[in-house]
Amino acid sequence: MRSKTVKAHVSLFVACSMWGLMSPIGKAAMEAGISSLSLASFRIMGGAACFWIASLFAPKEKVSGHDMLMLFFAGLLCVAFTQGLFIIGLSLTSPIDSTVITTSLPIITMILAALFLKEPITSLKVTGVALGATGALILVLSNHGGSEKAGNIWGDILCFVAQISFACYLTIFKGLISRYNIFTLMKWMFVFASICYIPFTFQSLSDTLSQSFPVTVWFQIGYVIVFGTFLASTLVLVGQKTLRPTVVSMYNYMQPIVGAGVAVMIGMGTFGWLKAIATALIFTGVYVVTKSRSRDQIQGEKNNI
């Protein structure tokens, strides 16, 4: 059981690191002329293709009619709304704003888990979320040198709706995720999301494919599809099968750490004591949340009294 838990934590760490790189890479592709609708389409339809190919090598599973309907709604929340709306929101606002908004995910998830899963909001959990949010905000704001373009209210709203959508997915579909293997779940969720996107993005995608772009832009799109979508989504599900929703969402705070690390490596930033404190706060926050008691643990303690 311990090895399974360690595997879940490592998977989430890697997945959120990939997501952390996706914002600047995706933004670069859009600045090169790829429309937000086209990039969202590439991400969702490319993800669907990757998961269907991967599913050919995975165990075959029969999905019940009821669960297929649930996978449709899971696909809307996890893929169409979360991934699509975040890309569109990112095109309208600044990477700084979008990253700051992602820090709301653990807070939203903690509240929804309390409402839907009856998970207790313990003092340890609140403390951990607060520590992580503080560290993430310090990192994001310390990287903001004043040259970043101003945010946009509609872009900020779309990014925030994406966080709410993902928090709902983490909370509501915990039971469904435990019943099937990763590739069965993801191939259907991405297919349903693709079907929903095609009527709205077909023209934009056709226009994009008729244009000529540098090879680097296609590599950026490839990163968004393969690493930021296919591999990251797979690894998140590995973690989600074992860990509680609030713990999973806490790994969202890895994104500003990755952003700060990349800035230091390419010479666009420095790693001083402020960033060191912020990083320590984030890791401490994640650790504290993992140590908070779940509903089952509290119930078990009551039964032993």
C-alpha atoms as a PDB file:
ATOM      1  CA  MET A   1       0.000   0.000   0.000  1.00  0.00           C
ATOM      2  CA  ARG A   2       2.839   2.362   0.813  1.00  0.00           C
ATOM      3  CA  SER A   3       4.484   1.780  -2.580  1.00  0.00           C
ATOM      4  CA  LYS A   4       1.138   2.509  -4.247  1.00  0.00           C
ATOM      5  CA  THR A   5       0.867   5.793  -2.358  1.00  0.00           C
ATOM      6  CA  VAL A   6       4.426   6.791  -3.265  1.00  0.00           C
ATOM      7  CA  LYS A   7       3.676   5.992  -6.918  1.00  0.00           C
ATOM      8  CA  ALA A   8       0.577   8.216  -6.748  1.00  0.00           C
ATOM      9  CA  HIS A   9       2.547  11.154  -5.309  1.00  0.00           C
ATOM     10  CA  VAL A  10       5.354  10.815  -7.875  1.00  0.00           C
ATOM     11  CA  SER A  11       2.806  10.626 -10.700  1.00  0.00           C
ATOM     12  CA  LEU A  12       1.094  13.828  -9.573  1.00  0.00           C
ATOM     13  CA  PHE A  13       4.443  15.582  -9.130  1.00  0.00           C
ATOM     14  CA  VAL A  14       5.473  14.777 -12.707  1.00  0.00           C
ATOM     15  CA  ALA A  15       2.024  15.550 -14.167  1.00  0.00           C
ATOM     16  CA  CYS A  16       1.802  18.985 -12.594  1.00  0.00           C
ATOM     17  CA  SER A  17       5.378  19.734 -13.646  1.00  0.00           C
ATOM     18  CA  MET A  18       4.292  19.063 -17.238  1.00  0.00           C
ATOM     19  CA  TRP A  19       1.287  21.332 -16.769  1.00  0.00           C
ATOM     20  CA  GLY A  20       3.564  24.004 -15.332  1.00  0.00           C
ATOM     21  CA  LEU A  21       5.526  24.083 -18.588  1.00  0.00           C
ATOM     22  CA  MET A  22       2.400  24.022 -20.736  1.00  0.00           C
ATOM     23  CA  SER A  23       1.261  27.591 -19.977  1.00  0.00           C
ATOM     24  CA  PRO A  24       4.384  29.330 -21.380  1.00  0.00           C
ATOM     25  CA  ILE A  25       4.731  26.826 -24.246  1.00  0.00           C
ATOM     26  CA  GLY A  26       1.055  27.080 -25.208  1.00  0.00           C
ATOM     27  CA  LYS A  27       1.198  30.868 -24.932  1.00  0.00           C
ATOM     28  CA  ALA A  28       4.218  30.921 -27.275  1.00  0.00           C
ATOM     29  CA  ALA A  29       2.303  28.879 -29.868  1.00  0.00           C
ATOM     30  CA  MET A  30      -0.650  31.273 -29.711  1.00  0.00           C
ATOM     31  CA  GLU A  31       1.626  34.304 -30.031  1.00  0.00           C
ATOM     32  CA  ALA A  32       3.036  32.690 -33.193  1.00  0.00           C
ATOM     33  CA  GLY A  33      -0.431  32.717 -34.751  1.00  0.00           C
ATOM     34  CA  ILE A  34      -2.198  29.561 -33.526  1.00  0.00           C
ATOM     35  CA  SER A  35      -5.700  30.565 -32.424  1.00  0.00           C
ATOM     36  CA  SER A  36      -6.893  29.567 -28.975  1.00  0.00           C
ATOM     37  CA  LEU A  37      -9.755  27.521 -30.449  1.00  0.00           C
ATOM     38  CA  SER A  38      -7.327  25.668 -32.712  1.00  0.00           C
ATOM     39  CA  LEU A  39      -4.917  24.936 -29.870  1.00  0.00           C
ATOM     40  CA  ALA A  40      -7.794  23.699 -27.695  1.00  0.00           C
ATOM     41  CA  SER A  41      -8.910  21.476 -30.585  1.00  0.00           C
ATOM     42  CA  PHE A  42      -5.406  20.129 -31.134  1.00  0.00           C
ATOM     43  CA  ARG A  43      -5.161  19.389 -27.419  1.00  0.00           C
ATOM     44  CA  ILE A  44      -8.501  17.616 -27.060  1.00  0.00           C
ATOM     45  CA  MET A  45      -8.607  15.756 -30.393  1.00  0.00           C
ATOM     46  CA  GLY A  46      -4.903  14.933 -30.223  1.00  0.00           C
ATOM     47  CA  GLY A  47      -5.426  13.630 -26.696  1.00  0.00           C
ATOM     48  CA  ALA A  48      -8.337  11.473 -27.902  1.00  0.00           C
ATOM     49  CA  ALA A  49      -6.141   9.969 -30.642  1.00  0.00           C
ATOM     50  CA  CYS A  50      -3.300   9.256 -28.172  1.00  0.00           C
ATOM     51  CA  PHE A  51      -5.608   7.551 -25.671  1.00  0.00           C
ATOM     52  CA  TRP A  52      -7.329   5.433 -28.323  1.00  0.00           C
ATOM     53  CA  ILE A  53      -3.962   4.233 -29.614  1.00  0.00           C
ATOM     54  CA  ALA A  54      -2.801   3.492 -26.056  1.00  0.00           C
ATOM     55  CA  SER A  55      -6.049   1.648 -25.306  1.00  0.00           C
ATOM     56  CA  LEU A  56      -5.230  -0.889 -28.039  1.00  0.00           C
ATOM     57  CA  PHE A  57      -2.462  -2.177 -25.775  1.00  0.00           C
ATOM     58  CA  ALA A  58      -4.506  -2.052 -22.545  1.00  0.00           C
ATOM     59  CA  PRO A  59      -6.946  -4.660 -21.166  1.00  0.00           C
ATOM     60  CA  LYS A  60     -10.351  -4.498 -22.879  1.00  0.00           C
ATOM     61  CA  GLU A  61     -13.225  -3.487 -20.613  1.00  0.00           C
ATOM     62  CA  LYS A  62     -16.975  -3.322 -21.130  1.00  0.00           C
ATOM     63  CA  VAL A  63     -18.485  -0.061 -19.900  1.00  0.00           C
ATOM     64  CA  SER A  64     -22.111  -0.110 -18.712  1.00  0.00           C
ATOM     65  CA  GLY A  65     -24.638   2.271 -20.240  1.00  0.00           C
ATOM     66  CA  HIS A  66     -24.954   4.217 -16.989  1.00  0.00           C
ATOM     67  CA  ASP A  67     -21.195   4.599 -16.653  1.00  0.00           C
ATOM     68  CA  MET A  68     -20.895   5.646 -20.315  1.00  0.00           C
ATOM     69  CA  LEU A  69     -23.293   8.491 -19.571  1.00  0.00           C
ATOM     70  CA  MET A  70     -21.229   9.388 -16.518  1.00  0.00           C
ATOM     71  CA  LEU A  71     -18.077   9.371 -18.682  1.00  0.00           C
ATOM     72  CA  PHE A  72     -19.783  11.864 -21.007  1.00  0.00           C
ATOM     73  CA  PHE A  73     -20.286  14.328 -18.151  1.00  0.00           C
ATOM     74  CA  ALA A  74     -16.815  13.570 -16.780  1.00  0.00           C
ATOM     75  CA  GLY A  75     -15.426  14.375 -20.232  1.00  0.00           C
ATOM     76  CA  LEU A  76     -17.250  17.705 -20.228  1.00  0.00           C
ATOM     77  CA  LEU A  77     -15.843  18.676 -16.829  1.00  0.00           C
ATOM     78  CA  CYS A  78     -12.322  17.223 -17.054  1.00  0.00           C
ATOM     79  CA  VAL A  79     -11.595  17.853 -20.731  1.00  0.00           C
ATOM     80  CA  ALA A  80     -13.993  20.180 -22.556  1.00  0.00           C
ATOM     81  CA  PHE A  81     -14.405  22.748 -19.773  1.00  0.00           C
ATOM     82  CA  THR A  82     -11.148  22.368 -17.836  1.00  0.00           C
ATOM     83  CA  GLN A  83      -8.624  21.983 -20.644  1.00  0.00           C
ATOM     84  CA  GLY A  84     -10.467  23.831 -23.403  1.00  0.00           C
ATOM     85  CA  LEU A  85     -11.571  26.827 -21.345  1.00  0.00           C
ATOM     86  CA  PHE A  86      -8.124  27.185 -19.764  1.00  0.00           C
ATOM     87  CA  ILE A  87      -6.477  27.442 -23.205  1.00  0.00           C
ATOM     88  CA  ILE A  88      -9.033  30.013 -24.377  1.00  0.00           C
ATOM     89  CA  GLY A  89      -8.718  31.957 -21.113  1.00  0.00           C
ATOM     90  CA  LEU A  90      -4.917  31.886 -21.373  1.00  0.00           C
ATOM     91  CA  SER A  91      -5.137  33.465 -24.845  1.00  0.00           C
ATOM     92  CA  LEU A  92      -7.066  36.418 -23.396  1.00  0.00           C
ATOM     93  CA  THR A  93      -5.174  37.008 -20.163  1.00  0.00           C
ATOM     94  CA  SER A  94      -1.573  36.949 -18.983  1.00  0.00           C
ATOM     95  CA  PRO A  95       0.337  33.828 -17.864  1.00  0.00           C
ATOM     96  CA  ILE A  96       0.750  35.532 -14.476  1.00  0.00           C
ATOM     97  CA  ASP A  97      -3.013  35.885 -14.008  1.00  0.00           C
ATOM     98  CA  SER A  98      -3.720  32.349 -15.204  1.00  0.00           C
ATOM     99  CA  THR A  99      -1.128  30.874 -12.838  1.00  0.00           C
ATOM    100  CA  VAL A 100      -2.426  32.861  -9.867  1.00  0.00           C
ATOM    101  CA  ILE A 101      -5.953  31.636 -10.602  1.00  0.00           C
ATOM    102  CA  THR A 102      -4.809  27.981 -10.568  1.00  0.00           C
ATOM    103  CA  THR A 103      -3.961  28.410  -6.879  1.00  0.00           C
ATOM    104  CA  SER A 104      -7.723  28.464  -6.185  1.00  0.00           C
ATOM    105  CA  LEU A 105      -8.114  24.787  -7.176  1.00  0.00           C
ATOM    106  CA  PRO A 106      -7.247  23.172  -3.788  1.00  0.00           C
ATOM    107  CA  ILE A 107      -9.531  25.596  -1.951  1.00  0.00           C
ATOM    108  CA  ILE A 108     -12.474  24.863  -4.284  1.00  0.00           C
ATOM    109  CA  THR A 109     -11.780  21.120  -4.137  1.00  0.00           C
ATOM    110  CA  MET A 110     -11.642  21.118  -0.333  1.00  0.00           C
ATOM    111  CA  ILE A 111     -15.064  22.801  -0.171  1.00  0.00           C
ATOM    112  CA  LEU A 112     -16.632  20.514  -2.791  1.00  0.00           C
ATOM    113  CA  ALA A 113     -15.179  17.388  -1.141  1.00  0.00           C
ATOM    114  CA  ALA A 114     -16.820  18.482   2.099  1.00  0.00           C
ATOM    115  CA  LEU A 115     -20.169  18.988   0.352  1.00  0.00           C
ATOM    116  CA  PHE A 116     -20.258  15.907  -1.892  1.00  0.00           C
ATOM    117  CA  LEU A 117     -17.972  13.367  -0.206  1.00  0.00           C
ATOM    118  CA  LYS A 118     -18.517  14.560   3.375  1.00  0.00           C
ATOM    119  CA  GLU A 119     -14.744  14.903   3.760  1.00  0.00           C
ATOM    120  CA  PRO A 120     -14.026  16.937   6.917  1.00  0.00           C
ATOM    121  CA  ILE A 121     -12.450  20.385   6.636  1.00  0.00           C
ATOM    122  CA  THR A 122      -9.880  19.893   9.381  1.00  0.00           C
ATOM    123  CA  SER A 123      -7.512  22.501  10.773  1.00  0.00           C
ATOM    124  CA  LEU A 124      -4.573  20.582   9.275  1.00  0.00           C
ATOM    125  CA  LYS A 125      -6.181  20.616   5.838  1.00  0.00           C
ATOM    126  CA  VAL A 126      -6.946  24.346   5.992  1.00  0.00           C
ATOM    127  CA  THR A 127      -3.417  25.076   7.218  1.00  0.00           C
ATOM    128  CA  GLY A 128      -1.871  23.008   4.418  1.00  0.00           C
ATOM    129  CA  VAL A 129      -3.956  24.641   1.696  1.00  0.00           C
ATOM    130  CA  ALA A 130      -3.160  28.104   3.093  1.00  0.00           C
ATOM    131  CA  LEU A 131       0.586  27.379   3.246  1.00  0.00           C
ATOM    132  CA  GLY A 132       0.594  26.064  -0.317  1.00  0.00           C
ATOM    133  CA  ALA A 133      -1.427  28.997  -1.659  1.00  0.00           C
ATOM    134  CA  THR A 134       0.863  31.486   0.089  1.00  0.00           C
ATOM    135  CA  GLY A 135       3.975  29.868  -1.350  1.00  0.00           C
ATOM    136  CA  ALA A 136       2.497  29.694  -4.848  1.00  0.00           C
ATOM    137  CA  LEU A 137       1.440  33.340  -4.799  1.00  0.00           C
ATOM    138  CA  ILE A 138       4.881  34.428  -3.571  1.00  0.00           C
ATOM    139  CA  LEU A 139       6.525  32.512  -6.421  1.00  0.00           C
ATOM    140  CA  VAL A 140       4.158  33.852  -9.081  1.00  0.00           C
ATOM    141  CA  LEU A 141       4.344  37.476  -7.945  1.00  0.00           C
ATOM    142  CA  SER A 142       8.119  37.397  -7.432  1.00  0.00           C
ATOM    143  CA  ASN A 143       8.495  36.301 -11.069  1.00  0.00           C
ATOM    144  CA  HIS A 144       6.426  39.261 -12.244  1.00  0.00           C
ATOM    145  CA  GLY A 145       8.891  41.922 -13.232  1.00  0.00           C
ATOM    146  CA  GLY A 146       6.331  44.379 -14.533  1.00  0.00           C
ATOM    147  CA  SER A 147       6.805  43.646 -18.240  1.00  0.00           C
ATOM    148  CA  GLU A 148       3.977  41.130 -18.430  1.00  0.00           C
ATOM    149  CA  LYS A 149       0.927  42.326 -20.305  1.00  0.00           C
ATOM    150  CA  ALA A 150      -2.112  43.165 -18.224  1.00  0.00           C
ATOM    151  CA  GLY A 151      -4.670  40.502 -17.552  1.00  0.00           C
ATOM    152  CA  ASN A 152      -8.160  40.412 -19.003  1.00  0.00           C
ATOM    153  CA  ILE A 153     -11.291  39.956 -16.908  1.00  0.00           C
ATOM    154  CA  TRP A 154     -12.929  37.538 -19.362  1.00  0.00           C
ATOM    155  CA  GLY A 155      -9.754  35.497 -19.666  1.00  0.00           C
ATOM    156  CA  ASP A 156      -9.465  35.416 -15.872  1.00  0.00           C
ATOM    157  CA  ILE A 157     -13.096  34.283 -15.551  1.00  0.00           C
ATOM    158  CA  LEU A 158     -12.584  31.457 -18.070  1.00  0.00           C
ATOM    159  CA  CYS A 159      -9.457  30.274 -16.240  1.00  0.00           C
ATOM    160  CA  PHE A 160     -11.380  30.352 -12.950  1.00  0.00           C
ATOM    161  CA  VAL A 161     -14.322  28.401 -14.419  1.00  0.00           C
ATOM    162  CA  ALA A 162     -11.775  25.835 -15.616  1.00  0.00           C
ATOM    163  CA  GLN A 163     -10.546  25.414 -12.025  1.00  0.00           C
ATOM    164  CA  ILE A 164     -14.106  24.987 -10.732  1.00  0.00           C
ATOM    165  CA  SER A 165     -14.786  22.422 -13.443  1.00  0.00           C
ATOM    166  CA  PHE A 166     -11.686  20.382 -12.588  1.00  0.00           C
ATOM    167  CA  ALA A 167     -12.486  20.546  -8.864  1.00  0.00           C
ATOM    168  CA  CYS A 168     -15.992  19.202  -9.603  1.00  0.00           C
ATOM    169  CA  TYR A 169     -14.496  16.399 -11.688  1.00  0.00           C
ATOM    170  CA  LEU A 170     -12.033  15.406  -8.948  1.00  0.00           C
ATOM    171  CA  THR A 171     -14.828  15.295  -6.394  1.00  0.00           C
ATOM    172  CA  ILE A 172     -17.876  13.922  -8.195  1.00  0.00           C
ATOM    173  CA  PHE A 173     -16.284  11.137 -10.256  1.00  0.00           C
ATOM    174  CA  LYS A 174     -14.000   9.573  -7.630  1.00  0.00           C
ATOM    175  CA  GLY A 175     -16.103   6.378  -7.588  1.00  0.00           C
ATOM    176  CA  LEU A 176     -16.310   6.054 -11.385  1.00  0.00           C
ATOM    177  CA  ILE A 177     -12.544   6.381 -11.755  1.00  0.00           C
ATOM    178  CA  SER A 178     -11.923   3.460  -9.404  1.00  0.00           C
ATOM    179  CA  ARG A 179     -13.957   1.055 -11.580  1.00  0.00           C
ATOM    180  CA  TYR A 180     -12.019   1.159 -14.868  1.00  0.00           C
ATOM    181  CA  ASN A 181      -8.444   1.313 -16.095  1.00  0.00           C
ATOM    182  CA  ILE A 182      -6.905   4.636 -17.045  1.00  0.00           C
ATOM    183  CA  PHE A 183      -7.080   4.247 -20.816  1.00  0.00           C
ATOM    184  CA  THR A 184     -10.711   3.096 -20.847  1.00  0.00           C
ATOM    185  CA  LEU A 185     -11.658   6.200 -18.871  1.00  0.00           C
ATOM    186  CA  MET A 186      -9.590   8.716 -20.796  1.00  0.00           C
ATOM    187  CA  LYS A 187     -10.312   7.503 -24.334  1.00  0.00           C
ATOM    188  CA  TRP A 188     -14.057   7.919 -23.813  1.00  0.00           C
ATOM    189  CA  MET A 189     -13.797  11.229 -21.961  1.00  0.00           C
ATOM    190  CA  PHE A 190     -11.616  12.730 -24.694  1.00  0.00           C
ATOM    191  CA  VAL A 191     -13.815  11.370 -27.489  1.00  0.00           C
ATOM    192  CA  PHE A 192     -16.944  12.867 -25.932  1.00  0.00           C
ATOM    193  CA  ALA A 193     -15.155  16.193 -25.428  1.00  0.00           C
ATOM    194  CA  SER A 194     -13.943  16.146 -29.055  1.00  0.00           C
ATOM    195  CA  ILE A 195     -17.469  15.560 -30.329  1.00  0.00           C
ATOM    196  CA  CYS A 196     -18.665  18.569 -28.325  1.00  0.00           C
ATOM    197  CA  TYR A 197     -15.825  20.785 -29.624  1.00  0.00           C
ATOM    198  CA  ILE A 198     -15.915  19.963 -33.353  1.00  0.00           C
ATOM    199  CA  PRO A 199     -19.009  22.065 -34.258  1.00  0.00           C
ATOM    200  CA  PHE A 200     -17.512  25.166 -32.589  1.00  0.00           C
ATOM    201  CA  THR A 201     -13.887  24.833 -33.676  1.00  0.00           C
ATOM    202  CA  PHE A 202     -14.017  23.216 -37.138  1.00  0.00           C
ATOM    203  CA  GLN A 203     -13.671  26.469 -39.085  1.00  0.00           C
ATOM    204  CA  SER A 204     -10.855  27.789 -36.880  1.00  0.00           C
ATOM    205  CA  LEU A 205      -9.003  24.471 -37.126  1.00  0.00           C
ATOM    206  CA  SER A 206      -9.401  24.375 -40.923  1.00  0.00           C
ATOM    207  CA  ASP A 207      -8.009  27.913 -41.219  1.00  0.00           C
ATOM    208  CA  THR A 208      -5.036  27.010 -39.029  1.00  0.00           C
ATOM    209  CA  LEU A 209      -4.199  23.856 -40.989  1.00  0.00           C
ATOM    210  CA  SER A 210      -4.245  25.837 -44.251  1.00  0.00           C
ATOM    211  CA  GLN A 211      -1.481  28.159 -42.973  1.00  0.00           C
ATOM    212  CA  SER A 212       2.266  27.604 -42.768  1.00  0.00           C
ATOM    213  CA  PHE A 213       3.986  27.773 -39.369  1.00  0.00           C
ATOM    214  CA  PRO A 214       7.611  27.254 -38.267  1.00  0.00           C
ATOM    215  CA  VAL A 215       8.590  23.780 -37.090  1.00  0.00           C
ATOM    216  CA  THR A 216       9.067  25.112 -33.545  1.00  0.00           C
ATOM    217  CA  VAL A 217       5.363  25.979 -33.372  1.00  0.00           C
ATOM    218  CA  TRP A 218       4.397  22.398 -34.260  1.00  0.00           C
ATOM    219  CA  PHE A 219       6.803  21.145 -31.595  1.00  0.00           C
ATOM    220  CA  GLN A 220       5.047  23.436 -29.104  1.00  0.00           C
ATOM    221  CA  ILE A 221       1.668  22.024 -30.147  1.00  0.00           C
ATOM    222  CA  GLY A 222       3.144  18.531 -29.874  1.00  0.00           C
ATOM    223  CA  TYR A 223       4.238  19.250 -26.298  1.00  0.00           C
ATOM    224  CA  VAL A 224       0.729  20.433 -25.397  1.00  0.00           C
ATOM    225  CA  ILE A 225      -0.799  17.236 -26.840  1.00  0.00           C
ATOM    226  CA  VAL A 226       1.690  14.566 -25.752  1.00  0.00           C
ATOM    227  CA  PHE A 227       3.092  15.885 -22.484  1.00  0.00           C
ATOM    228  CA  GLY A 228       0.596  18.510 -21.300  1.00  0.00           C
ATOM    229  CA  THR A 229      -2.432  16.362 -22.144  1.00  0.00           C
ATOM    230  CA  PHE A 230      -1.823  12.643 -22.775  1.00  0.00           C
ATOM    231  CA  LEU A 231       0.955  11.901 -20.272  1.00  0.00           C
ATOM    232  CA  ALA A 232      -0.150  14.454 -17.649  1.00  0.00           C
ATOM    233  CA  SER A 233      -3.782  13.267 -17.705  1.00  0.00           C
ATOM    234  CA  THR A 234      -2.639   9.649 -17.414  1.00  0.00           C
ATOM    235  CA  LEU A 235      -0.434  10.397 -14.422  1.00  0.00           C
ATOM    236  CA  VAL A 236      -3.143  12.459 -12.692  1.00  0.00           C
ATOM    237  CA  LEU A 237      -5.498   9.483 -12.913  1.00  0.00           C
ATOM    238  CA  VAL A 238      -2.817   7.266 -11.357  1.00  0.00           C
ATOM    239  CA  GLY A 239      -2.744   9.634  -8.385  1.00  0.00           C
ATOM    240  CA  GLN A 240      -6.498  10.137  -8.319  1.00  0.00           C
ATOM    241  CA  LYS A 241      -7.160   6.407  -7.950  1.00  0.00           C
ATOM    242  CA  THR A 242      -5.259   6.350  -4.639  1.00  0.00           C
ATOM    243  CA  LEU A 243      -5.316   9.825  -3.068  1.00  0.00           C
ATOM    244  CA  ARG A 244      -8.103  12.044  -1.802  1.00  0.00           C
ATOM    245  CA  PRO A 245      -9.357  14.892  -4.081  1.00  0.00           C
ATOM    246  CA  THR A 246      -7.889  17.676  -1.911  1.00  0.00           C
ATOM    247  CA  VAL A 247      -4.460  16.000  -1.903  1.00  0.00           C
ATOM    248  CA  VAL A 248      -4.582  15.619  -5.700  1.00  0.00           C
ATOM    249  CA  SER A 249      -5.505  19.269  -6.146  1.00  0.00           C
ATOM    250  CA  MET A 250      -2.644  20.408  -3.875  1.00  0.00           C
ATOM    251  CA  TYR A 251      -0.171  19.339  -6.546  1.00  0.00           C
ATOM    252  CA  ASN A 252      -1.474  22.207  -8.659  1.00  0.00           C
ATOM    253  CA  TYR A 253       0.945  24.335  -6.632  1.00  0.00           C
ATOM    254  CA  MET A 254       3.788  22.617  -8.511  1.00  0.00           C
ATOM    255  CA  GLN A 255       3.052  24.758 -11.558  1.00  0.00           C
ATOM    256  CA  PRO A 256       4.588  28.024 -10.266  1.00  0.00           C
ATOM    257  CA  ILE A 257       7.603  26.060  -8.967  1.00  0.00           C
ATOM    258  CA  VAL A 258       8.205  24.725 -12.468  1.00  0.00           C
ATOM    259  CA  GLY A 259       7.706  28.187 -13.939  1.00  0.00           C
ATOM    260  CA  ALA A 260      10.233  29.684 -11.538  1.00  0.00           C
ATOM    261  CA  GLY A 261      12.705  26.854 -12.206  1.00  0.00           C
ATOM    262  CA  VAL A 262      12.503  27.318 -15.978  1.00  0.00           C
ATOM    263  CA  ALA A 263      12.985  31.062 -15.612  1.00  0.00           C
ATOM    264  CA  VAL A 264      16.156  30.464 -13.570  1.00  0.00           C
ATOM    265  CA  MET A 265      17.524  27.872 -16.036  1.00  0.00           C
ATOM    266  CA  ILE A 266      17.123  30.095 -19.091  1.00  0.00           C
ATOM    267  CA  GLY A 267      18.519  33.128 -17.330  1.00  0.00           C
ATOM    268  CA  MET A 268      15.246  35.022 -16.992  1.00  0.00           C
ATOM    269  CA  GLY A 269      15.180  34.843 -13.193  1.00  0.00           C
ATOM    270  CA  THR A 270      17.192  34.132 -10.071  1.00  0.00           C
ATOM    271  CA  PHE A 271      16.627  31.761  -7.173  1.00  0.00           C
ATOM    272  CA  GLY A 272      16.956  33.759  -3.977  1.00  0.00           C
ATOM    273  CA  TRP A 273      15.839  33.315  -0.385  1.00  0.00           C
ATOM    274  CA  LEU A 274      12.264  34.471  -1.194  1.00  0.00           C
ATOM    275  CA  LYS A 275      11.782  31.715  -3.771  1.00  0.00           C
ATOM    276  CA  ALA A 276      13.377  29.211  -1.410  1.00  0.00           C
ATOM    277  CA  ILE A 277      10.859  30.130   1.314  1.00  0.00           C
ATOM    278  CA  ALA A 278       7.971  29.978  -1.172  1.00  0.00           C
ATOM    279  CA  THR A 279       9.027  26.521  -2.392  1.00  0.00           C
ATOM    280  CA  ALA A 280       9.354  25.292   1.196  1.00  0.00           C
ATOM    281  CA  LEU A 281       5.859  26.605   1.981  1.00  0.00           C
ATOM    282  CA  ILE A 282       4.382  24.720  -0.983  1.00  0.00           C
ATOM    283  CA  PHE A 283       5.994  21.393  -0.109  1.00  0.00           C
ATOM    284  CA  THR A 284       5.089  21.865   3.560  1.00  0.00           C
ATOM    285  CA  GLY A 285       1.489  22.596   2.584  1.00  0.00           C
ATOM    286  CA  VAL A 286       1.260  19.422   0.484  1.00  0.00           C
ATOM    287  CA  TYR A 287       2.751  17.363   3.330  1.00  0.00           C
ATOM    288  CA  VAL A 288       0.359  18.836   5.912  1.00  0.00           C
ATOM    289  CA  VAL A 289      -2.694  18.093   3.731  1.00  0.00           C
ATOM    290  CA  THR A 290      -1.566  14.476   3.243  1.00  0.00           C
ATOM    291  CA  LYS A 291      -1.374  14.146   7.045  1.00  0.00           C
ATOM    292  CA  SER A 292      -4.878  15.504   7.624  1.00  0.00           C
ATOM    293  CA  ARG A 293      -7.463  12.915   8.598  1.00  0.00           C
ATOM    294  CA  SER A 294      -9.959  11.595   6.070  1.00  0.00           C
ATOM    295  CA  ARG A 295     -13.630  10.892   6.754  1.00  0.00           C
ATOM    296  CA  ASP A 296     -12.911   7.149   7.015  1.00  0.00           C
ATOM    297  CA  GLN A 297     -10.108   7.717   9.524  1.00  0.00           C
ATOM    298  CA  ILE A 298     -12.273   9.923  11.726  1.00  0.00           C
ATOM    299  CA  GLN A 299     -15.145   7.425  11.539  1.00  0.00           C
ATOM    300  CA  GLY A 300     -12.773   4.593  12.445  1.00  0.00           C
ATOM    301  CA  GLU A 301     -11.567   6.492  15.488  1.00  0.00           C
ATOM    302  CA  LYS A 302     -15.172   7.039  16.619  1.00  0.00           C
ATOM    303  CA  ASN A 303     -15.939   3.350  16.243  1.00  0.00           C
ATOM    304  CA  ASN A 304     -12.958   2.426  18.396  1.00  0.00           C
ATOM    305  CA  ILE A 305     -14.065   4.646  21.255  1.00  0.00           C
END
